[in-house]
C-alpha atoms as a PDB file:
ATOM      1  CA  UNK A   1      -0.019  -0.414  -0.104  1.00  0.00           C
ATOM      2  CA  UNK A   2       2.551   2.685   0.861  1.00  0.00           C
ATOM      3  CA  UNK A   3       4.915   1.366  -1.879  1.00  0.00           C
ATOM      4  CA  UNK A   4       1.813   1.916  -4.537  1.00  0.00           C
ATOM      5  CA  UNK A   5       1.388   5.583  -2.565  1.00  0.00           C
ATOM      6  CA  UNK A   6       4.442   6.148  -3.703  1.00  0.00           C
ATOM      7  CA  UNK A   7       4.825   5.046  -7.110  1.00  0.00           C
ATOM      8  CA  UNK A   8       1.344   6.927  -7.517  1.00  0.00           C
ATOM      9  CA  UNK A   9       2.830  10.080  -6.759  1.00  0.00           C
ATOM     10  CA  UNK A  10       6.190   9.473  -8.416  1.00  0.00           C
ATOM     11  CA  UNK A  11       3.940   8.870 -11.846  1.00  0.00           C
ATOM     12  CA  UNK A  12       1.978  11.697 -11.228  1.00  0.00           C
ATOM     13  CA  UNK A  13       5.639  13.724 -11.146  1.00  0.00           C
ATOM     14  CA  UNK A  14       7.063  11.908 -13.964  1.00  0.00           C
ATOM     15  CA  UNK A  15       3.963  12.638 -15.864  1.00  0.00           C
ATOM     16  CA  UNK A  16       3.656  16.311 -15.119  1.00  0.00           C
ATOM     17  CA  UNK A  17       7.499  16.889 -16.110  1.00  0.00           C
ATOM     18  CA  UNK A  18       6.847  15.184 -19.347  1.00  0.00           C
ATOM     19  CA  UNK A  19       3.519  17.095 -20.201  1.00  0.00           C
ATOM     20  CA  UNK A  20       4.372  20.559 -21.909  1.00  0.00           C
ATOM     21  CA  UNK A  21       1.110  22.154 -19.857  1.00  0.00           C
ATOM     22  CA  UNK A  22       2.419  20.733 -16.739  1.00  0.00           C
ATOM     23  CA  UNK A  23       5.681  22.316 -17.468  1.00  0.00           C
ATOM     24  CA  UNK A  24       4.891  25.549 -18.234  1.00  0.00           C
ATOM     25  CA  UNK A  25       2.666  25.768 -14.836  1.00  0.00           C
ATOM     26  CA  UNK A  26       4.908  24.498 -12.980  1.00  0.00           C
ATOM     27  CA  UNK A  27       7.671  27.116 -13.899  1.00  0.00           C
ATOM     28  CA  UNK A  28       5.049  29.988 -13.728  1.00  0.00           C
ATOM     29  CA  UNK A  29       4.254  28.764 -10.383  1.00  0.00           C
ATOM     30  CA  UNK A  30       8.405  28.685  -9.107  1.00  0.00           C
ATOM     31  CA  UNK A  31       8.254  32.215 -10.966  1.00  0.00           C
ATOM     32  CA  UNK A  32       5.694  34.167  -9.151  1.00  0.00           C
ATOM     33  CA  UNK A  33       7.553  34.221  -5.731  1.00  0.00           C
ATOM     34  CA  UNK A  34      10.704  36.369  -7.081  1.00  0.00           C
ATOM     35  CA  UNK A  35       7.799  38.492  -8.981  1.00  0.00           C
ATOM     36  CA  UNK A  36       6.124  39.173  -5.758  1.00  0.00           C
ATOM     37  CA  UNK A  37       9.281  40.037  -3.855  1.00  0.00           C
ATOM     38  CA  UNK A  38      10.419  42.117  -6.898  1.00  0.00           C
ATOM     39  CA  UNK A  39       7.211  44.068  -7.194  1.00  0.00           C
ATOM     40  CA  UNK A  40       7.236  44.323  -3.205  1.00  0.00           C
ATOM     41  CA  UNK A  41      10.589  45.755  -2.862  1.00  0.00           C
ATOM     42  CA  UNK A  42       9.757  48.139  -5.596  1.00  0.00           C
ATOM     43  CA  UNK A  43       7.207  49.315  -3.555  1.00  0.00           C
ATOM     44  CA  UNK A  44       8.990  49.435  -0.188  1.00  0.00           C
ATOM     45  CA  UNK A  45      11.747  51.752  -2.236  1.00  0.00           C
ATOM     46  CA  UNK A  46       9.063  53.858  -3.102  1.00  0.00           C
ATOM     47  CA  UNK A  47       8.020  54.383   0.561  1.00  0.00           C
ATOM     48  CA  UNK A  48      11.470  55.169   0.997  1.00  0.00           C
ATOM     49  CA  UNK A  49      12.092  57.672  -1.905  1.00  0.00           C
ATOM     50  CA  UNK A  50       8.770  59.847   0.034  1.00  0.00           C
ATOM     51  CA  UNK A  51      10.068  59.069   3.338  1.00  0.00           C
ATOM     52  CA  UNK A  52      13.523  60.791   2.384  1.00  0.00           C
ATOM     53  CA  UNK A  53      12.092  63.685   0.646  1.00  0.00           C
ATOM     54  CA  UNK A  54       9.501  64.475   3.683  1.00  0.00           C
ATOM     55  CA  UNK A  55      12.873  64.138   5.962  1.00  0.00           C
ATOM     56  CA  UNK A  56      15.173  66.346   3.754  1.00  0.00           C
ATOM     57  CA  UNK A  57      12.198  68.998   4.127  1.00  0.00           C
ATOM     58  CA  UNK A  58      11.847  68.943   7.380  1.00  0.00           C
ATOM     59  CA  UNK A  59      15.558  68.736   7.813  1.00  0.00           C
ATOM     60  CA  UNK A  60      16.360  71.993   6.099  1.00  0.00           C
ATOM     61  CA  UNK A  61      13.454  73.990   8.343  1.00  0.00           C
ATOM     62  CA  UNK A  62      15.745  73.108  11.174  1.00  0.00           C
ATOM     63  CA  UNK A  63      18.793  73.903   9.629  1.00  0.00           C
ATOM     64  CA  UNK A  64      17.525  77.397   8.409  1.00  0.00           C
ATOM     65  CA  UNK A  65      16.144  77.998  12.159  1.00  0.00           C
ATOM     66  CA  UNK A  66      19.387  76.973  13.995  1.00  0.00           C
ATOM     67  CA  UNK A  67      21.440  78.964  11.573  1.00  0.00           C
ATOM     68  CA  UNK A  68      19.003  81.979  11.844  1.00  0.00           C
ATOM     69  CA  UNK A  69      19.613  81.793  15.900  1.00  0.00           C
ATOM     70  CA  UNK A  70      23.556  80.688  15.563  1.00  0.00           C
ATOM     71  CA  UNK A  71      23.517  84.183  13.675  1.00  0.00           C
ATOM     72  CA  UNK A  72      22.445  86.426  16.145  1.00  0.00           C
ATOM     73  CA  UNK A  73      24.018  84.484  19.286  1.00  0.00           C
ATOM     74  CA  UNK A  74      27.272  83.861  18.164  1.00  0.00           C
ATOM     75  CA  UNK A  75      28.393  81.833  21.462  1.00  0.00           C
ATOM     76  CA  UNK A  76      25.360  79.217  20.955  1.00  0.00           C
ATOM     77  CA  UNK A  77      26.671  75.445  21.533  1.00  0.00           C
ATOM     78  CA  UNK A  78      25.918  72.490  18.908  1.00  0.00           C
ATOM     79  CA  UNK A  79      24.109  70.806  21.684  1.00  0.00           C
ATOM     80  CA  UNK A  80      22.040  74.443  21.677  1.00  0.00           C
ATOM     81  CA  UNK A  81      21.497  74.458  18.435  1.00  0.00           C
ATOM     82  CA  UNK A  82      20.085  70.751  18.707  1.00  0.00           C
ATOM     83  CA  UNK A  83      17.605  71.658  21.720  1.00  0.00           C
ATOM     84  CA  UNK A  84      16.273  74.372  19.956  1.00  0.00           C
ATOM     85  CA  UNK A  85      15.600  73.206  16.465  1.00  0.00           C
ATOM     86  CA  UNK A  86      14.346  69.656  16.902  1.00  0.00           C
ATOM     87  CA  UNK A  87      10.930  70.873  17.371  1.00  0.00           C
ATOM     88  CA  UNK A  88      10.946  72.056  14.246  1.00  0.00           C
ATOM     89  CA  UNK A  89      12.554  68.588  12.779  1.00  0.00           C
ATOM     90  CA  UNK A  90       9.888  66.566  14.444  1.00  0.00           C
ATOM     91  CA  UNK A  91       6.881  68.965  13.779  1.00  0.00           C
ATOM     92  CA  UNK A  92       7.525  69.514   9.983  1.00  0.00           C
ATOM     93  CA  UNK A  93       8.557  65.456   9.457  1.00  0.00           C
ATOM     94  CA  UNK A  94       5.034  63.406   8.717  1.00  0.00           C
ATOM     95  CA  UNK A  95       6.097  60.722  10.950  1.00  0.00           C
ATOM     96  CA  UNK A  96       4.151  58.010   9.918  1.00  0.00           C
ATOM     97  CA  UNK A  97       3.795  54.875  12.184  1.00  0.00           C
ATOM     98  CA  UNK A  98       6.191  53.051  10.231  1.00  0.00           C
ATOM     99  CA  UNK A  99       9.118  55.782   9.858  1.00  0.00           C
ATOM    100  CA  UNK A 100      10.957  57.304  13.165  1.00  0.00           C
ATOM    101  CA  UNK A 101      13.833  59.604  13.537  1.00  0.00           C
ATOM    102  CA  UNK A 102      16.620  58.111  15.286  1.00  0.00           C
ATOM    103  CA  UNK A 103      19.663  61.018  15.024  1.00  0.00           C
ATOM    104  CA  UNK A 104      19.959  64.359  14.709  1.00  0.00           C
ATOM    105  CA  UNK A 105      23.225  66.730  14.628  1.00  0.00           C
ATOM    106  CA  UNK A 106      24.198  70.091  13.925  1.00  0.00           C
ATOM    107  CA  UNK A 107      26.892  71.763  13.468  1.00  0.00           C
ATOM    108  CA  UNK A 108      28.268  75.358  13.454  1.00  0.00           C
ATOM    109  CA  UNK A 109      31.374  75.218  10.920  1.00  0.00           C
ATOM    110  CA  UNK A 110      31.471  79.232  11.087  1.00  0.00           C
ATOM    111  CA  UNK A 111      29.731  80.504   8.336  1.00  0.00           C
ATOM    112  CA  UNK A 112      27.378  77.930   7.755  1.00  0.00           C
ATOM    113  CA  UNK A 113      25.021  75.367   9.544  1.00  0.00           C
ATOM    114  CA  UNK A 114      25.502  71.637   8.535  1.00  0.00           C
ATOM    115  CA  UNK A 115      22.795  69.564   9.620  1.00  0.00           C
ATOM    116  CA  UNK A 116      22.471  66.016   9.510  1.00  0.00           C
ATOM    117  CA  UNK A 117      19.139  63.499  10.211  1.00  0.00           C
ATOM    118  CA  UNK A 118      18.677  59.703  10.258  1.00  0.00           C
ATOM    119  CA  UNK A 119      15.020  57.983   9.713  1.00  0.00           C
ATOM    120  CA  UNK A 120      14.401  53.681  10.206  1.00  0.00           C
ATOM    121  CA  UNK A 121      11.385  52.675   8.783  1.00  0.00           C
ATOM    122  CA  UNK A 122       9.425  48.945   8.864  1.00  0.00           C
ATOM    123  CA  UNK A 123       9.459  47.339   4.987  1.00  0.00           C
ATOM    124  CA  UNK A 124       6.519  45.399   4.055  1.00  0.00           C
ATOM    125  CA  UNK A 125       7.856  43.028   1.257  1.00  0.00           C
ATOM    126  CA  UNK A 126      11.592  43.541   1.831  1.00  0.00           C
ATOM    127  CA  UNK A 127      11.578  41.760   5.108  1.00  0.00           C
ATOM    128  CA  UNK A 128      10.846  38.562   3.514  1.00  0.00           C
ATOM    129  CA  UNK A 129      14.358  38.474   2.086  1.00  0.00           C
ATOM    130  CA  UNK A 130      15.698  39.880   5.563  1.00  0.00           C
ATOM    131  CA  UNK A 131      15.206  43.313   5.415  1.00  0.00           C
ATOM    132  CA  UNK A 132      13.058  44.255   8.057  1.00  0.00           C
ATOM    133  CA  UNK A 133      14.148  48.057   8.436  1.00  0.00           C
ATOM    134  CA  UNK A 134      15.815  50.292   6.530  1.00  0.00           C
ATOM    135  CA  UNK A 135      17.776  53.751   7.075  1.00  0.00           C
ATOM    136  CA  UNK A 136      18.013  56.781   5.185  1.00  0.00           C
ATOM    137  CA  UNK A 137      19.596  60.130   5.880  1.00  0.00           C
ATOM    138  CA  UNK A 138      19.420  63.204   4.639  1.00  0.00           C
ATOM    139  CA  UNK A 139      22.246  66.606   5.551  1.00  0.00           C
ATOM    140  CA  UNK A 140      21.732  70.312   4.527  1.00  0.00           C
ATOM    141  CA  UNK A 141      24.083  72.974   4.925  1.00  0.00           C
ATOM    142  CA  UNK A 142      22.658  76.569   5.275  1.00  0.00           C
ATOM    143  CA  UNK A 143      25.420  79.574   5.056  1.00  0.00           C
ATOM    144  CA  UNK A 144      24.816  81.953   7.460  1.00  0.00           C
ATOM    145  CA  UNK A 145      22.860  85.307   6.666  1.00  0.00           C
ATOM    146  CA  UNK A 146      22.946  88.814   7.605  1.00  0.00           C
ATOM    147  CA  UNK A 147      24.436  92.208   6.753  1.00  0.00           C
ATOM    148  CA  UNK A 148      27.692  94.561   7.682  1.00  0.00           C
ATOM    149  CA  UNK A 149      25.599  97.044  10.122  1.00  0.00           C
ATOM    150  CA  UNK A 150      27.465 100.222  10.452  1.00  0.00           C
ATOM    151  CA  UNK A 151      25.560 103.019  12.808  1.00  0.00           C
ATOM    152  CA  UNK A 152      26.600 106.433  13.661  1.00  0.00           C
ATOM    153  CA  UNK A 153      25.097 107.366  17.182  1.00  0.00           C
ATOM    154  CA  UNK A 154      24.477 111.676  17.180  1.00  0.00           C
ATOM    155  CA  UNK A 155      24.473 112.232  20.611  1.00  0.00           C
ATOM    156  CA  UNK A 156      23.540 116.075  21.860  1.00  0.00           C
ATOM    157  CA  UNK A 157      25.819 117.160  24.790  1.00  0.00           C
ATOM    158  CA  UNK A 158      24.467 120.615  24.868  1.00  0.00           C
ATOM    159  CA  UNK A 159      23.931 122.832  28.085  1.00  0.00           C
ATOM    160  CA  UNK A 160      19.981 122.218  27.842  1.00  0.00           C
ATOM    161  CA  UNK A 161      20.903 118.242  28.469  1.00  0.00           C
ATOM    162  CA  UNK A 162      21.353 119.167  31.955  1.00  0.00           C
ATOM    163  CA  UNK A 163      17.576 119.791  32.681  1.00  0.00           C
ATOM    164  CA  UNK A 164      16.287 117.290  34.956  1.00  0.00           C
ATOM    165  CA  UNK A 165      13.080 114.846  33.853  1.00  0.00           C
ATOM    166  CA  UNK A 166      10.606 115.480  36.408  1.00  0.00           C
ATOM    167  CA  UNK A 167       9.342 112.221  35.864  1.00  0.00           C
ATOM    168  CA  UNK A 168      12.430 110.337  36.573  1.00  0.00           C
ATOM    169  CA  UNK A 169      14.177 112.826  38.361  1.00  0.00           C
ATOM    170  CA  UNK A 170      17.173 112.407  35.935  1.00  0.00           C
ATOM    171  CA  UNK A 171      19.347 114.629  33.985  1.00  0.00           C
ATOM    172  CA  UNK A 172      18.472 114.369  29.689  1.00  0.00           C
ATOM    173  CA  UNK A 173      22.222 113.666  29.266  1.00  0.00           C
ATOM    174  CA  UNK A 174      22.047 110.830  32.244  1.00  0.00           C
ATOM    175  CA  UNK A 175      19.200 109.150  30.423  1.00  0.00           C
ATOM    176  CA  UNK A 176      20.740 109.862  26.981  1.00  0.00           C
ATOM    177  CA  UNK A 177      23.520 108.075  27.880  1.00  0.00           C
ATOM    178  CA  UNK A 178      21.418 105.164  29.458  1.00  0.00           C
ATOM    179  CA  UNK A 179      19.953 104.625  26.247  1.00  0.00           C
ATOM    180  CA  UNK A 180      23.013 104.513  24.312  1.00  0.00           C
ATOM    181  CA  UNK A 181      24.880 101.863  26.212  1.00  0.00           C
ATOM    182  CA  UNK A 182      21.639  99.685  25.969  1.00  0.00           C
ATOM    183  CA  UNK A 183      21.575 100.434  22.300  1.00  0.00           C
ATOM    184  CA  UNK A 184      25.140  99.316  21.867  1.00  0.00           C
ATOM    185  CA  UNK A 185      24.713  96.255  24.228  1.00  0.00           C
ATOM    186  CA  UNK A 186      21.585  95.183  22.231  1.00  0.00           C
ATOM    187  CA  UNK A 187      23.593  95.507  18.869  1.00  0.00           C
ATOM    188  CA  UNK A 188      27.079  95.124  19.204  1.00  0.00           C
ATOM    189  CA  UNK A 189      27.473  91.062  19.434  1.00  0.00           C
ATOM    190  CA  UNK A 190      30.044  89.951  22.076  1.00  0.00           C
ATOM    191  CA  UNK A 191      32.490  88.580  19.095  1.00  0.00           C
ATOM    192  CA  UNK A 192      32.053  89.268  15.153  1.00  0.00           C
ATOM    193  CA  UNK A 193      31.031  86.646  13.131  1.00  0.00           C
ATOM    194  CA  UNK A 194      30.957  86.753   9.176  1.00  0.00           C
ATOM    195  CA  UNK A 195      29.442  89.731   9.290  1.00  0.00           C
ATOM    196  CA  UNK A 196      30.305  92.610  11.144  1.00  0.00           C
ATOM    197  CA  UNK A 197      28.868  95.419  13.563  1.00  0.00           C
ATOM    198  CA  UNK A 198      30.286  99.120  13.984  1.00  0.00           C
ATOM    199  CA  UNK A 199      29.369 101.819  15.593  1.00  0.00           C
ATOM    200  CA  UNK A 200      30.579 105.368  15.623  1.00  0.00           C
ATOM    201  CA  UNK A 201      29.607 107.998  18.465  1.00  0.00           C
ATOM    202  CA  UNK A 202      29.424 111.798  17.243  1.00  0.00           C
ATOM    203  CA  UNK A 203      29.267 113.878  20.757  1.00  0.00           C
ATOM    204  CA  UNK A 204      27.954 117.406  19.752  1.00  0.00           C
ATOM    205  CA  UNK A 205      27.138 121.172  21.100  1.00  0.00           C
ATOM    206  CA  UNK A 206      28.264 124.144  19.604  1.00  0.00           C
ATOM    207  CA  UNK A 207      31.256 121.990  17.640  1.00  0.00           C
ATOM    208  CA  UNK A 208      32.536 118.297  17.263  1.00  0.00           C
ATOM    209  CA  UNK A 209      35.162 117.475  19.086  1.00  0.00           C
ATOM    210  CA  UNK A 210      37.817 115.455  16.874  1.00  0.00           C
ATOM    211  CA  UNK A 211      40.114 114.484  20.249  1.00  0.00           C
ATOM    212  CA  UNK A 212      43.634 115.159  19.699  1.00  0.00           C
ATOM    213  CA  UNK A 213      45.572 118.353  17.516  1.00  0.00           C
ATOM    214  CA  UNK A 214      46.211 116.026  15.006  1.00  0.00           C
ATOM    215  CA  UNK A 215      42.699 114.780  14.066  1.00  0.00           C
ATOM    216  CA  UNK A 216      41.530 118.365  13.892  1.00  0.00           C
ATOM    217  CA  UNK A 217      44.041 119.639  11.769  1.00  0.00           C
ATOM    218  CA  UNK A 218      43.286 116.950   9.275  1.00  0.00           C
ATOM    219  CA  UNK A 219      39.682 118.412   9.315  1.00  0.00           C
ATOM    220  CA  UNK A 220      40.624 122.072   9.136  1.00  0.00           C
ATOM    221  CA  UNK A 221      43.918 122.412   8.276  1.00  0.00           C
ATOM    222  CA  UNK A 222      47.094 122.889  10.469  1.00  0.00           C
ATOM    223  CA  UNK A 223      47.290 126.182  12.719  1.00  0.00           C
ATOM    224  CA  UNK A 224      50.200 128.548  12.569  1.00  0.00           C
ATOM    225  CA  UNK A 225      51.775 131.112  15.126  1.00  0.00           C
ATOM    226  CA  UNK A 226      51.154 133.843  16.048  1.00  0.00           C
ATOM    227  CA  UNK A 227      47.281 135.562  16.062  1.00  0.00           C
ATOM    228  CA  UNK A 228      45.004 137.153  13.622  1.00  0.00           C
ATOM    229  CA  UNK A 229      42.227 139.104  13.541  1.00  0.00           C
ATOM    230  CA  UNK A 230      39.288 137.461  11.260  1.00  0.00           C
ATOM    231  CA  UNK A 231      42.031 135.043   9.541  1.00  0.00           C
ATOM    232  CA  UNK A 232      41.446 131.665  11.017  1.00  0.00           C
ATOM    233  CA  UNK A 233      44.007 129.510  10.811  1.00  0.00           C
ATOM    234  CA  UNK A 234      46.327 131.255  13.626  1.00  0.00           C
ATOM    235  CA  UNK A 235      47.038 130.154  16.743  1.00  0.00           C
ATOM    236  CA  UNK A 236      45.119 132.913  18.392  1.00  0.00           C
ATOM    237  CA  UNK A 237      41.891 134.632  17.007  1.00  0.00           C
ATOM    238  CA  UNK A 238      40.752 138.365  17.940  1.00  0.00           C
ATOM    239  CA  UNK A 239      37.476 138.744  18.369  1.00  0.00           C
ATOM    240  CA  UNK A 240      35.523 142.196  18.775  1.00  0.00           C
ATOM    241  CA  UNK A 241      32.390 141.758  20.402  1.00  0.00           C
ATOM    242  CA  UNK A 242      29.471 143.519  22.438  1.00  0.00           C
ATOM    243  CA  UNK A 243      30.797 144.907  25.176  1.00  0.00           C
ATOM    244  CA  UNK A 244      27.408 144.337  27.460  1.00  0.00           C
ATOM    245  CA  UNK A 245      27.184 140.807  26.818  1.00  0.00           C
ATOM    246  CA  UNK A 246      30.921 140.499  28.153  1.00  0.00           C
ATOM    247  CA  UNK A 247      30.710 143.240  30.800  1.00  0.00           C
ATOM    248  CA  UNK A 248      31.372 140.554  33.269  1.00  0.00           C
ATOM    249  CA  UNK A 249      34.319 138.888  32.001  1.00  0.00           C
ATOM    250  CA  UNK A 250      35.710 142.373  31.304  1.00  0.00           C
ATOM    251  CA  UNK A 251      39.201 140.676  32.456  1.00  0.00           C
ATOM    252  CA  UNK A 252      39.124 138.718  29.272  1.00  0.00           C
ATOM    253  CA  UNK A 253      38.891 142.415  27.303  1.00  0.00           C
ATOM    254  CA  UNK A 254      41.435 144.299  25.580  1.00  0.00           C
ATOM    255  CA  UNK A 255      40.274 147.856  25.190  1.00  0.00           C
ATOM    256  CA  UNK A 256      36.920 148.234  27.122  1.00  0.00           C
ATOM    257  CA  UNK A 257      35.548 150.370  29.168  1.00  0.00           C
ATOM    258  CA  UNK A 258      32.035 150.094  30.659  1.00  0.00           C
ATOM    259  CA  UNK A 259      31.809 154.148  30.026  1.00  0.00           C
ATOM    260  CA  UNK A 260      33.061 153.979  26.487  1.00  0.00           C
ATOM    261  CA  UNK A 261      31.079 152.715  23.157  1.00  0.00           C
ATOM    262  CA  UNK A 262      34.731 150.756  21.937  1.00  0.00           C
ATOM    263  CA  UNK A 263      34.087 147.141  21.237  1.00  0.00           C
ATOM    264  CA  UNK A 264      34.905 144.117  23.414  1.00  0.00           C
ATOM    265  CA  UNK A 265      38.050 142.275  22.048  1.00  0.00           C
ATOM    266  CA  UNK A 266      38.665 139.100  23.206  1.00  0.00           C
ATOM    267  CA  UNK A 267      41.705 136.612  22.253  1.00  0.00           C
ATOM    268  CA  UNK A 268      40.671 132.966  21.731  1.00  0.00           C
ATOM    269  CA  UNK A 269      42.835 129.756  21.547  1.00  0.00           C
ATOM    270  CA  UNK A 270      42.135 127.635  18.623  1.00  0.00           C
ATOM    271  CA  UNK A 271      40.265 124.231  20.096  1.00  0.00           C
ATOM    272  CA  UNK A 272      40.728 120.957  18.791  1.00  0.00           C
ATOM    273  CA  UNK A 273      36.879 120.872  18.241  1.00  0.00           C
ATOM    274  CA  UNK A 274      35.637 121.542  14.441  1.00  0.00           C
ATOM    275  CA  UNK A 275      32.301 123.637  13.263  1.00  0.00           C
ATOM    276  CA  UNK A 276      30.747 123.306   9.881  1.00  0.00           C
ATOM    277  CA  UNK A 277      32.886 124.243   6.312  1.00  0.00           C
ATOM    278  CA  UNK A 278      31.178 127.050   4.162  1.00  0.00           C
ATOM    279  CA  UNK A 279      31.445 127.814   0.439  1.00  0.00           C
ATOM    280  CA  UNK A 280      30.096 125.794  -2.275  1.00  0.00           C
ATOM    281  CA  UNK A 281      30.772 122.470  -0.380  1.00  0.00           C
ATOM    282  CA  UNK A 282      29.412 123.171   2.758  1.00  0.00           C
ATOM    283  CA  UNK A 283      26.936 120.566   2.062  1.00  0.00           C
ATOM    284  CA  UNK A 284      28.414 118.114  -0.005  1.00  0.00           C
ATOM    285  CA  UNK A 285      30.801 115.256   0.653  1.00  0.00           C
ATOM    286  CA  UNK A 286      33.950 116.590  -0.835  1.00  0.00           C
ATOM    287  CA  UNK A 287      36.844 115.531   0.410  1.00  0.00           C
ATOM    288  CA  UNK A 288      38.013 117.436   3.818  1.00  0.00           C
ATOM    289  CA  UNK A 289      41.443 118.068   2.929  1.00  0.00           C
ATOM    290  CA  UNK A 290      40.621 119.787  -0.178  1.00  0.00           C
ATOM    291  CA  UNK A 291      37.614 121.901   1.447  1.00  0.00           C
ATOM    292  CA  UNK A 292      38.610 122.090   5.258  1.00  0.00           C
ATOM    293  CA  UNK A 293      35.638 122.487   8.375  1.00  0.00           C
ATOM    294  CA  UNK A 294      35.746 125.609  10.129  1.00  0.00           C
ATOM    295  CA  UNK A 295      37.863 126.327  13.038  1.00  0.00           C
ATOM    296  CA  UNK A 296      36.451 126.680  16.428  1.00  0.00           C
ATOM    297  CA  UNK A 297      37.797 129.662  19.291  1.00  0.00           C
ATOM    298  CA  UNK A 298      35.672 128.625  21.916  1.00  0.00           C
ATOM    299  CA  UNK A 299      35.503 130.574  25.282  1.00  0.00           C
ATOM    300  CA  UNK A 300      36.382 127.910  27.703  1.00  0.00           C
ATOM    301  CA  UNK A 301      34.716 129.899  30.607  1.00  0.00           C
ATOM    302  CA  UNK A 302      31.375 129.900  28.630  1.00  0.00           C
ATOM    303  CA  UNK A 303      31.123 128.180  25.030  1.00  0.00           C
ATOM    304  CA  UNK A 304      34.458 126.021  25.318  1.00  0.00           C
ATOM    305  CA  UNK A 305      35.335 122.826  23.266  1.00  0.00           C
ATOM    306  CA  UNK A 306      33.523 120.744  26.242  1.00  0.00           C
ATOM    307  CA  UNK A 307      31.475 117.986  23.829  1.00  0.00           C
ATOM    308  CA  UNK A 308      33.052 114.462  24.599  1.00  0.00           C
ATOM    309  CA  UNK A 309      35.533 113.488  21.562  1.00  0.00           C
ATOM    310  CA  UNK A 310      33.887 111.412  18.450  1.00  0.00           C
ATOM    311  CA  UNK A 311      34.522 107.668  18.306  1.00  0.00           C
ATOM    312  CA  UNK A 312      35.192 106.644  14.613  1.00  0.00           C
ATOM    313  CA  UNK A 313      33.542 103.472  13.497  1.00  0.00           C
ATOM    314  CA  UNK A 314      35.055 100.371  16.089  1.00  0.00           C
ATOM    315  CA  UNK A 315      33.704  97.005  16.808  1.00  0.00           C
ATOM    316  CA  UNK A 316      34.658  97.361  20.331  1.00  0.00           C
ATOM    317  CA  UNK A 317      31.713  97.895  22.769  1.00  0.00           C
ATOM    318  CA  UNK A 318      34.233  98.455  25.668  1.00  0.00           C
ATOM    319  CA  UNK A 319      35.587 101.641  23.649  1.00  0.00           C
ATOM    320  CA  UNK A 320      31.984 102.997  23.154  1.00  0.00           C
ATOM    321  CA  UNK A 321      30.541 102.319  26.667  1.00  0.00           C
ATOM    322  CA  UNK A 322      33.978 104.026  28.248  1.00  0.00           C
ATOM    323  CA  UNK A 323      33.819 107.182  25.609  1.00  0.00           C
ATOM    324  CA  UNK A 324      30.003 107.170  26.818  1.00  0.00           C
ATOM    325  CA  UNK A 325      31.002 107.539  30.504  1.00  0.00           C
ATOM    326  CA  UNK A 326      33.226 110.700  29.425  1.00  0.00           C
ATOM    327  CA  UNK A 327      30.204 112.778  28.462  1.00  0.00           C
ATOM    328  CA  UNK A 328      28.618 115.645  30.134  1.00  0.00           C
ATOM    329  CA  UNK A 329      26.801 118.804  29.272  1.00  0.00           C
ATOM    330  CA  UNK A 330      27.519 122.166  28.061  1.00  0.00           C
ATOM    331  CA  UNK A 331      27.987 124.638  25.369  1.00  0.00           C
ATOM    332  CA  UNK A 332      25.423 125.917  22.987  1.00  0.00           C
ATOM    333  CA  UNK A 333      23.819 124.220  20.533  1.00  0.00           C
ATOM    334  CA  UNK A 334      24.814 123.407  16.632  1.00  0.00           C
ATOM    335  CA  UNK A 335      22.492 120.384  15.858  1.00  0.00           C
ATOM    336  CA  UNK A 336      23.760 120.495  12.318  1.00  0.00           C
ATOM    337  CA  UNK A 337      27.278 120.067  12.955  1.00  0.00           C
ATOM    338  CA  UNK A 338      26.500 117.052  14.811  1.00  0.00           C
ATOM    339  CA  UNK A 339      24.169 115.498  11.979  1.00  0.00           C
ATOM    340  CA  UNK A 340      26.833 116.771   9.429  1.00  0.00           C
ATOM    341  CA  UNK A 341      29.552 114.213  11.293  1.00  0.00           C
ATOM    342  CA  UNK A 342      26.966 111.662  12.012  1.00  0.00           C
END
C-alpha cells in the first residue's frame, strides 16, 4: 500500500514533467514568488523615497532655524542648536507609524550650519528577504545670512541736556547715556562673526570735538603761530564783540571801558573742535583735505570745546561705553554740525 502510494506520486510527477502544459504551469508557479518580491521591493523603495523627501524638507527647516539663531547668538553651542531646532524637525516631518527619526545633529562651521538626520522605517515586502527595516540619511548646509551693520550715534551734549526729567528725576544727559549704552549692548555682538557690526559716536554741542590736534588739523587744516583778526588759521584769534555781553568778563577784554562805546576785543585759542564748513562744498561729501571744516575758537568759560570726542567706527563695545561715561552737557547748540559729522 505504501509502495503503491509512492509509485503513484512519482508517476504523477513524471507525467507532469513530460507534459508541456504541466511543465509551463510548474515554471509559472516557481517564478511568481520572485516577481512578488520584486514588486514589493519597488513599493518599499518608493515609500523610502517619499520618506527621504519629507525628511529632507523637515531637516532644511530645522537647519534654517538653527542658522538664524546662531547668527544672532554667536556663542551658541551645537548642543543648544540641536535642542532649539529639533521641534522644527519633528513637527515638519510627517512621521508615519512605521518611520521614526533615530539621529539628528547640527554643527556650526563658522560661516554655515550643517544638519544631519537619519530615519528608520519598516519594510512590508523586503522583510521576506531579511530586510525588516531600512535607514535613510539626509543632510543640509545653510550659509549664515545677515548684513554688515554700521551705525552712527549723534548725541546731544549741549547745556540744555542738564535739565532734569520731572518723571524720572534724571537729567536728560544721564538718560541719553543710559539709552545709548543699552543700544550698544543690543546691536554689538560679544564676538564678530561673518558679518560685522560697527558703531560710531558723535557727541556735539556748538561744535564737534575730534579729540586731538592731529585729527583736528586733518579736518580744518594745521594751525600757524601768532594771532590774527578774522583770518582763521592762527593759534590765536581776536574777536570784537558786544561790550554788554562781556561786561562780566572784563578780564578777557582788551580796549574795553564800561563808559565807552569801544568794542570788547577778546583773544581766544584754537581748539580741537571743528565747526561746519562754508562755501560751495558746505553740504557735500567733498574731501576735507580740499575743503576743510571750520575753525573753533571757543571761550572756555562759557562755550568751550566741551563735547566728548568723537569715536570713529569701531567693533569694540568697551570703547563706546567708556566714551559714553565721559560725556557731560555744556555749551550752546549746533545740531546741524553733529548731524553732518554723523
